[in-house]
Amino acid sequence: MDLVLFDLDNTLIAGDSDFEWAQFLIGKGILDRDLYEAKNLEFYEQYKAGTLDIDLFLDFQLHPLSRFPRSQLDLWQREFLSRHILPLVGDKARSLVGGHLARGALCAIVTATNSFVTGPIIREFGIAHLIATIPAQEDGRFTGKVRGLPSFREGKIVRVEAWLEAMGLWWSSFERSWFYSDSLNDLPLLSRVSNPVAVDPDPTLRAHAAGAGWPVLSLLG
């Protein structure tokens, strides 16, 4: 059996769900455009440059969840999925995931984006397992804080290994392990698997992939 891991943003979807979620809330007037839009763009550019402070970003990204009851957030989440995310899901991405699932691989999406935003997205791909940053909750409401280790950079390896160990598995349990990603931020996990694949990669990852002889794949179009 193979282990197949997928990054989500700009890999399986042609955009960034974290960024799009904030833009969705701004567009609906839920978040103040003057206060949030420039900061959202700034954090996104830092992520692409590999300079993101994940703790500062999560304070920014998770705080809006704490302002509203879960029932209202769930309504917005369904609208967000329909209007902002499904148009970003292409046939090539669905086919790639479906092929691995059909061959019996254990598949998971491993993303730094929080599980509230990404949970409905992974179900669109038929993937049962999500390793994401977890928003903390108390009494059914989000607190605006993160629970546990964010699924980011080296944290993705820690979270994947904890998930595997919880099932009594390890890297050596699999004939091959795959990770598909677009981002330089995922170089630690890409370097950990036996079959790393750069998907529509950023310039830094593209250069690294060329030097390491990793395959480069496009899921766009």
C-alpha atoms as a PDB file:
ATOM      1  CA  MET A   1       0.000   0.000   0.000  1.00  0.00           C
ATOM      2  CA  ASP A   2       1.133   3.538  -0.748  1.00  0.00           C
ATOM      3  CA  LEU A   3       0.849   6.614   1.449  1.00  0.00           C
ATOM      4  CA  VAL A   4      -0.206   9.649  -0.584  1.00  0.00           C
ATOM      5  CA  LEU A   5      -0.240  13.144   0.927  1.00  0.00           C
ATOM      6  CA  PHE A   6      -1.526  16.256  -0.806  1.00  0.00           C
ATOM      7  CA  ASP A   7      -1.068  19.909  -0.008  1.00  0.00           C
ATOM      8  CA  LEU A   8      -4.297  21.783  -0.682  1.00  0.00           C
ATOM      9  CA  ASP A   9      -3.806  25.448  -1.532  1.00  0.00           C
ATOM     10  CA  ASN A  10      -2.408  26.139  -4.994  1.00  0.00           C
ATOM     11  CA  THR A  11      -1.968  22.391  -5.357  1.00  0.00           C
ATOM     12  CA  LEU A  12      -5.304  20.567  -5.449  1.00  0.00           C
ATOM     13  CA  ILE A  13      -7.153  23.869  -5.759  1.00  0.00           C
ATOM     14  CA  ALA A  14      -6.079  26.743  -8.009  1.00  0.00           C
ATOM     15  CA  GLY A  15      -5.965  29.293  -5.199  1.00  0.00           C
ATOM     16  CA  ASP A  16      -5.422  29.716  -1.477  1.00  0.00           C
ATOM     17  CA  SER A  17      -8.391  28.850   0.744  1.00  0.00           C
ATOM     18  CA  ASP A  18      -7.009  30.791   3.732  1.00  0.00           C
ATOM     19  CA  PHE A  19      -6.706  33.949   1.656  1.00  0.00           C
ATOM     20  CA  GLU A  20     -10.048  33.371  -0.064  1.00  0.00           C
ATOM     21  CA  TRP A  21     -11.878  32.860   3.249  1.00  0.00           C
ATOM     22  CA  ALA A  22     -10.757  36.250   4.542  1.00  0.00           C
ATOM     23  CA  GLN A  23     -11.636  37.875   1.208  1.00  0.00           C
ATOM     24  CA  PHE A  24     -15.059  36.214   1.361  1.00  0.00           C
ATOM     25  CA  LEU A  25     -15.742  37.670   4.807  1.00  0.00           C
ATOM     26  CA  ILE A  26     -14.512  41.087   3.677  1.00  0.00           C
ATOM     27  CA  GLY A  27     -16.708  40.945   0.581  1.00  0.00           C
ATOM     28  CA  LYS A  28     -19.776  40.233   2.680  1.00  0.00           C
ATOM     29  CA  GLY A  29     -18.995  43.147   4.985  1.00  0.00           C
ATOM     30  CA  ILE A  30     -18.391  40.796   7.923  1.00  0.00           C
ATOM     31  CA  LEU A  31     -14.817  42.008   8.268  1.00  0.00           C
ATOM     32  CA  ASP A  32     -13.836  45.638   7.822  1.00  0.00           C
ATOM     33  CA  ARG A  33     -12.117  46.033   4.438  1.00  0.00           C
ATOM     34  CA  ASP A  34      -9.805  48.833   5.601  1.00  0.00           C
ATOM     35  CA  LEU A  35      -8.597  46.817   8.589  1.00  0.00           C
ATOM     36  CA  TYR A  36      -8.323  43.360   7.052  1.00  0.00           C
ATOM     37  CA  GLU A  37      -7.676  43.443   3.310  1.00  0.00           C
ATOM     38  CA  ALA A  38      -4.176  44.945   3.342  1.00  0.00           C
ATOM     39  CA  LYS A  39      -3.134  42.661   6.209  1.00  0.00           C
ATOM     40  CA  ASN A  40      -4.525  39.615   4.423  1.00  0.00           C
ATOM     41  CA  LEU A  41      -2.501  40.478   1.321  1.00  0.00           C
ATOM     42  CA  GLU A  42       0.604  41.116   3.425  1.00  0.00           C
ATOM     43  CA  PHE A  43       0.412  37.726   5.134  1.00  0.00           C
ATOM     44  CA  TYR A  44      -0.177  35.987   1.803  1.00  0.00           C
ATOM     45  CA  GLU A  45       2.924  37.585   0.276  1.00  0.00           C
ATOM     46  CA  GLN A  46       4.955  36.567   3.337  1.00  0.00           C
ATOM     47  CA  TYR A  47       3.758  32.984   2.947  1.00  0.00           C
ATOM     48  CA  LYS A  48       4.781  32.904  -0.710  1.00  0.00           C
ATOM     49  CA  ALA A  49       8.190  34.370   0.206  1.00  0.00           C
ATOM     50  CA  GLY A  50       8.756  31.814   2.967  1.00  0.00           C
ATOM     51  CA  THR A  51       8.907  34.491   5.685  1.00  0.00           C
ATOM     52  CA  LEU A  52       5.512  33.981   7.342  1.00  0.00           C
ATOM     53  CA  ASP A  53       5.338  34.105  11.143  1.00  0.00           C
ATOM     54  CA  ILE A  54       2.720  31.399  11.615  1.00  0.00           C
ATOM     55  CA  ASP A  55       1.737  32.513  15.124  1.00  0.00           C
ATOM     56  CA  LEU A  56       1.004  36.087  14.040  1.00  0.00           C
ATOM     57  CA  PHE A  57      -0.884  34.839  11.033  1.00  0.00           C
ATOM     58  CA  LEU A  58      -3.042  32.450  13.050  1.00  0.00           C
ATOM     59  CA  ASP A  59      -3.940  35.216  15.489  1.00  0.00           C
ATOM     60  CA  PHE A  60      -5.180  37.185  12.469  1.00  0.00           C
ATOM     61  CA  GLN A  61      -6.873  34.287  10.688  1.00  0.00           C
ATOM     62  CA  LEU A  62      -8.601  32.579  13.608  1.00  0.00           C
ATOM     63  CA  HIS A  63      -9.850  35.629  15.493  1.00  0.00           C
ATOM     64  CA  PRO A  64     -12.901  36.191  13.232  1.00  0.00           C
ATOM     65  CA  LEU A  65     -14.107  32.650  14.018  1.00  0.00           C
ATOM     66  CA  SER A  66     -14.449  33.630  17.682  1.00  0.00           C
ATOM     67  CA  ARG A  67     -16.850  36.487  16.932  1.00  0.00           C
ATOM     68  CA  PHE A  68     -19.764  34.439  15.632  1.00  0.00           C
ATOM     69  CA  PRO A  69     -21.766  31.356  16.677  1.00  0.00           C
ATOM     70  CA  ARG A  70     -20.947  28.104  14.943  1.00  0.00           C
ATOM     71  CA  SER A  71     -24.383  27.955  13.292  1.00  0.00           C
ATOM     72  CA  GLN A  72     -23.728  31.234  11.464  1.00  0.00           C
ATOM     73  CA  LEU A  73     -20.193  30.222  10.530  1.00  0.00           C
ATOM     74  CA  ASP A  74     -21.503  26.962   9.073  1.00  0.00           C
ATOM     75  CA  LEU A  75     -23.921  28.892   6.825  1.00  0.00           C
ATOM     76  CA  TRP A  76     -21.133  31.125   5.571  1.00  0.00           C
ATOM     77  CA  GLN A  77     -18.887  28.114   5.132  1.00  0.00           C
ATOM     78  CA  ARG A  78     -21.349  26.454   2.733  1.00  0.00           C
ATOM     79  CA  GLU A  79     -21.670  29.648   0.716  1.00  0.00           C
ATOM     80  CA  PHE A  80     -17.895  30.041   0.661  1.00  0.00           C
ATOM     81  CA  LEU A  81     -17.417  26.492  -0.625  1.00  0.00           C
ATOM     82  CA  SER A  82     -19.929  26.966  -3.404  1.00  0.00           C
ATOM     83  CA  ARG A  83     -18.892  30.433  -4.551  1.00  0.00           C
ATOM     84  CA  HIS A  84     -15.140  30.571  -3.908  1.00  0.00           C
ATOM     85  CA  ILE A  85     -13.731  27.046  -3.753  1.00  0.00           C
ATOM     86  CA  LEU A  86     -15.572  24.729  -6.136  1.00  0.00           C
ATOM     87  CA  PRO A  87     -14.687  26.950  -9.124  1.00  0.00           C
ATOM     88  CA  LEU A  88     -11.017  26.406  -8.183  1.00  0.00           C
ATOM     89  CA  VAL A  89     -11.231  22.586  -8.296  1.00  0.00           C
ATOM     90  CA  GLY A  90     -10.125  21.241 -11.660  1.00  0.00           C
ATOM     91  CA  ASP A  91     -10.631  17.900 -13.373  1.00  0.00           C
ATOM     92  CA  LYS A  92      -6.911  17.117 -13.303  1.00  0.00           C
ATOM     93  CA  ALA A  93      -6.802  17.419  -9.516  1.00  0.00           C
ATOM     94  CA  ARG A  94      -9.879  15.240  -9.093  1.00  0.00           C
ATOM     95  CA  SER A  95      -8.384  12.656 -11.448  1.00  0.00           C
ATOM     96  CA  LEU A  96      -5.050  12.597  -9.631  1.00  0.00           C
ATOM     97  CA  VAL A  97      -6.691  12.007  -6.255  1.00  0.00           C
ATOM     98  CA  GLY A  98      -9.169   9.514  -7.681  1.00  0.00           C
ATOM     99  CA  GLY A  99      -6.395   7.477  -9.264  1.00  0.00           C
ATOM    100  CA  HIS A 100      -4.504   7.083  -6.000  1.00  0.00           C
ATOM    101  CA  LEU A 101      -7.691   6.214  -4.115  1.00  0.00           C
ATOM    102  CA  ALA A 102      -8.651   3.637  -6.743  1.00  0.00           C
ATOM    103  CA  ARG A 103      -5.271   1.953  -6.329  1.00  0.00           C
ATOM    104  CA  GLY A 104      -5.919   1.556  -2.597  1.00  0.00           C
ATOM    105  CA  ALA A 105      -3.543   4.218  -1.276  1.00  0.00           C
ATOM    106  CA  LEU A 106      -3.970   5.733   2.169  1.00  0.00           C
ATOM    107  CA  CYS A 107      -4.567   9.394   1.276  1.00  0.00           C
ATOM    108  CA  ALA A 108      -4.601  12.568   3.360  1.00  0.00           C
ATOM    109  CA  ILE A 109      -4.600  16.289   2.751  1.00  0.00           C
ATOM    110  CA  VAL A 110      -1.897  18.018   4.805  1.00  0.00           C
ATOM    111  CA  THR A 111      -2.425  21.769   4.990  1.00  0.00           C
ATOM    112  CA  ALA A 112      -1.540  24.744   7.149  1.00  0.00           C
ATOM    113  CA  THR A 113      -5.030  26.142   6.612  1.00  0.00           C
ATOM    114  CA  ASN A 114      -7.369  25.549   9.536  1.00  0.00           C
ATOM    115  CA  SER A 115      -9.688  22.553   9.648  1.00  0.00           C
ATOM    116  CA  PHE A 116     -12.891  24.632   9.756  1.00  0.00           C
ATOM    117  CA  VAL A 117     -12.146  26.067   6.318  1.00  0.00           C
ATOM    118  CA  THR A 118     -10.658  22.914   4.790  1.00  0.00           C
ATOM    119  CA  GLY A 119     -12.903  20.141   6.157  1.00  0.00           C
ATOM    120  CA  PRO A 120     -15.645  20.578   3.529  1.00  0.00           C
ATOM    121  CA  ILE A 121     -13.046  20.894   0.760  1.00  0.00           C
ATOM    122  CA  ILE A 122     -11.426  17.514   1.382  1.00  0.00           C
ATOM    123  CA  ARG A 123     -14.841  15.864   1.222  1.00  0.00           C
ATOM    124  CA  GLU A 124     -15.176  17.195  -2.331  1.00  0.00           C
ATOM    125  CA  PHE A 125     -12.177  15.025  -3.224  1.00  0.00           C
ATOM    126  CA  GLY A 126     -13.419  11.946  -1.401  1.00  0.00           C
ATOM    127  CA  ILE A 127     -10.451  11.991   0.966  1.00  0.00           C
ATOM    128  CA  ALA A 128     -11.223  10.793   4.486  1.00  0.00           C
ATOM    129  CA  HIS A 129      -8.166  12.135   6.306  1.00  0.00           C
ATOM    130  CA  LEU A 130      -7.293  15.781   6.998  1.00  0.00           C
ATOM    131  CA  ILE A 131      -4.168  16.990   8.782  1.00  0.00           C
ATOM    132  CA  ALA A 132      -4.699  20.720   9.284  1.00  0.00           C
ATOM    133  CA  THR A 133      -4.182  23.483  11.808  1.00  0.00           C
ATOM    134  CA  ILE A 134      -6.893  23.026  14.454  1.00  0.00           C
ATOM    135  CA  PRO A 135      -8.841  26.018  15.830  1.00  0.00           C
ATOM    136  CA  ALA A 136      -9.429  25.698  19.576  1.00  0.00           C
ATOM    137  CA  GLN A 137     -13.012  25.563  20.859  1.00  0.00           C
ATOM    138  CA  GLU A 138     -14.767  26.052  24.176  1.00  0.00           C
ATOM    139  CA  ASP A 139     -18.455  25.295  24.720  1.00  0.00           C
ATOM    140  CA  GLY A 140     -19.024  24.896  20.986  1.00  0.00           C
ATOM    141  CA  ARG A 141     -17.489  28.241  20.008  1.00  0.00           C
ATOM    142  CA  PHE A 142     -14.104  28.935  18.510  1.00  0.00           C
ATOM    143  CA  THR A 143     -11.730  30.799  20.833  1.00  0.00           C
ATOM    144  CA  GLY A 144      -9.597  32.455  18.150  1.00  0.00           C
ATOM    145  CA  LYS A 145      -6.580  30.415  19.231  1.00  0.00           C
ATOM    146  CA  VAL A 146      -4.909  27.322  17.812  1.00  0.00           C
ATOM    147  CA  ARG A 147      -5.009  23.894  19.452  1.00  0.00           C
ATOM    148  CA  GLY A 148      -1.770  21.966  19.341  1.00  0.00           C
ATOM    149  CA  LEU A 149       0.972  22.312  16.761  1.00  0.00           C
ATOM    150  CA  PRO A 150       0.137  24.153  13.517  1.00  0.00           C
ATOM    151  CA  SER A 151       0.431  22.009  10.416  1.00  0.00           C
ATOM    152  CA  PHE A 152       3.114  24.209   8.880  1.00  0.00           C
ATOM    153  CA  ARG A 153       6.669  23.573   7.617  1.00  0.00           C
ATOM    154  CA  GLU A 154       8.340  21.001   9.910  1.00  0.00           C
ATOM    155  CA  GLY A 155       5.097  20.855  11.881  1.00  0.00           C
ATOM    156  CA  LYS A 156       3.562  18.962   8.968  1.00  0.00           C
ATOM    157  CA  ILE A 157       6.027  16.113   9.529  1.00  0.00           C
ATOM    158  CA  VAL A 158       5.258  16.002  13.252  1.00  0.00           C
ATOM    159  CA  ARG A 159       1.515  15.982  12.629  1.00  0.00           C
ATOM    160  CA  VAL A 160       1.719  13.321   9.891  1.00  0.00           C
ATOM    161  CA  GLU A 161       3.826  11.071  12.088  1.00  0.00           C
ATOM    162  CA  ALA A 162       1.416  11.459  15.021  1.00  0.00           C
ATOM    163  CA  TRP A 163      -1.468  10.547  12.697  1.00  0.00           C
ATOM    164  CA  LEU A 164       0.366   7.484  11.416  1.00  0.00           C
ATOM    165  CA  GLU A 165       1.343   6.330  14.894  1.00  0.00           C
ATOM    166  CA  ALA A 166      -2.280   6.684  16.067  1.00  0.00           C
ATOM    167  CA  MET A 167      -3.146   4.019  13.458  1.00  0.00           C
ATOM    168  CA  GLY A 168      -0.199   1.816  14.376  1.00  0.00           C
ATOM    169  CA  LEU A 169       1.648   2.788  11.198  1.00  0.00           C
ATOM    170  CA  TRP A 170       4.963   4.386  10.219  1.00  0.00           C
ATOM    171  CA  TRP A 171       6.730   5.441   7.047  1.00  0.00           C
ATOM    172  CA  SER A 172       8.117   1.931   6.697  1.00  0.00           C
ATOM    173  CA  SER A 173       4.567   0.543   6.664  1.00  0.00           C
ATOM    174  CA  PHE A 174       4.216   1.686   3.051  1.00  0.00           C
ATOM    175  CA  GLU A 175       5.824   0.569  -0.181  1.00  0.00           C
ATOM    176  CA  ARG A 176       6.033   4.194  -1.323  1.00  0.00           C
ATOM    177  CA  SER A 177       5.115   7.575   0.110  1.00  0.00           C
ATOM    178  CA  TRP A 178       4.107  10.582  -1.971  1.00  0.00           C
ATOM    179  CA  PHE A 179       3.631  14.268  -1.263  1.00  0.00           C
ATOM    180  CA  TYR A 180       2.304  16.752  -3.801  1.00  0.00           C
ATOM    181  CA  SER A 181       2.884  20.452  -3.117  1.00  0.00           C
ATOM    182  CA  ASP A 182       3.416  23.813  -4.771  1.00  0.00           C
ATOM    183  CA  SER A 183       5.271  25.604  -1.981  1.00  0.00           C
ATOM    184  CA  LEU A 184       8.787  26.155  -0.726  1.00  0.00           C
ATOM    185  CA  ASN A 185       7.263  26.001   2.763  1.00  0.00           C
ATOM    186  CA  ASP A 186       6.685  22.279   2.194  1.00  0.00           C
ATOM    187  CA  LEU A 187      10.290  21.374   1.464  1.00  0.00           C
ATOM    188  CA  PRO A 188      10.649  19.570   4.841  1.00  0.00           C
ATOM    189  CA  LEU A 189       7.803  17.121   4.142  1.00  0.00           C
ATOM    190  CA  LEU A 190       8.668  16.836   0.452  1.00  0.00           C
ATOM    191  CA  SER A 191      12.158  15.771   1.513  1.00  0.00           C
ATOM    192  CA  ARG A 192      10.738  13.175   3.922  1.00  0.00           C
ATOM    193  CA  VAL A 193       8.696  11.101   1.455  1.00  0.00           C
ATOM    194  CA  SER A 194      10.079   8.663  -1.115  1.00  0.00           C
ATOM    195  CA  ASN A 195       8.235  10.297  -4.020  1.00  0.00           C
ATOM    196  CA  PRO A 196       8.065  14.115  -3.787  1.00  0.00           C
ATOM    197  CA  VAL A 197       6.182  15.893  -6.578  1.00  0.00           C
ATOM    198  CA  ALA A 198       6.241  19.646  -7.206  1.00  0.00           C
ATOM    199  CA  VAL A 199       2.838  20.829  -8.463  1.00  0.00           C
ATOM    200  CA  ASP A 200       2.754  24.162 -10.322  1.00  0.00           C
ATOM    201  CA  PRO A 201       5.608  25.125  -7.999  1.00  0.00           C
ATOM    202  CA  ASP A 202       6.755  28.522  -6.839  1.00  0.00           C
ATOM    203  CA  PRO A 203      10.172  29.590  -8.190  1.00  0.00           C
ATOM    204  CA  THR A 204      12.121  28.356  -5.156  1.00  0.00           C
ATOM    205  CA  LEU A 205      10.506  24.928  -5.182  1.00  0.00           C
ATOM    206  CA  ARG A 206      10.838  24.668  -8.958  1.00  0.00           C
ATOM    207  CA  ALA A 207      14.575  25.304  -8.718  1.00  0.00           C
ATOM    208  CA  HIS A 208      14.943  22.813  -5.868  1.00  0.00           C
ATOM    209  CA  ALA A 209      12.945  20.193  -7.769  1.00  0.00           C
ATOM    210  CA  ALA A 210      15.141  20.652 -10.846  1.00  0.00           C
ATOM    211  CA  GLY A 211      18.297  20.239  -8.780  1.00  0.00           C
ATOM    212  CA  ALA A 212      16.979  17.199  -6.915  1.00  0.00           C
ATOM    213  CA  GLY A 213      15.461  15.536  -9.968  1.00  0.00           C
ATOM    214  CA  TRP A 214      11.921  15.658  -8.578  1.00  0.00           C
ATOM    215  CA  PRO A 215       9.047  15.471 -11.067  1.00  0.00           C
ATOM    216  CA  VAL A 216       7.089  18.666 -11.758  1.00  0.00           C
ATOM    217  CA  LEU A 217       3.381  18.388 -12.463  1.00  0.00           C
ATOM    218  CA  SER A 218       0.737  20.895 -13.523  1.00  0.00           C
ATOM    219  CA  LEU A 219      -2.899  20.506 -12.490  1.00  0.00           C
ATOM    220  CA  LEU A 220      -4.015  23.758 -14.068  1.00  0.00           C
ATOM    221  CA  GLY A 221      -6.259  23.864 -17.103  1.00  0.00           C
END
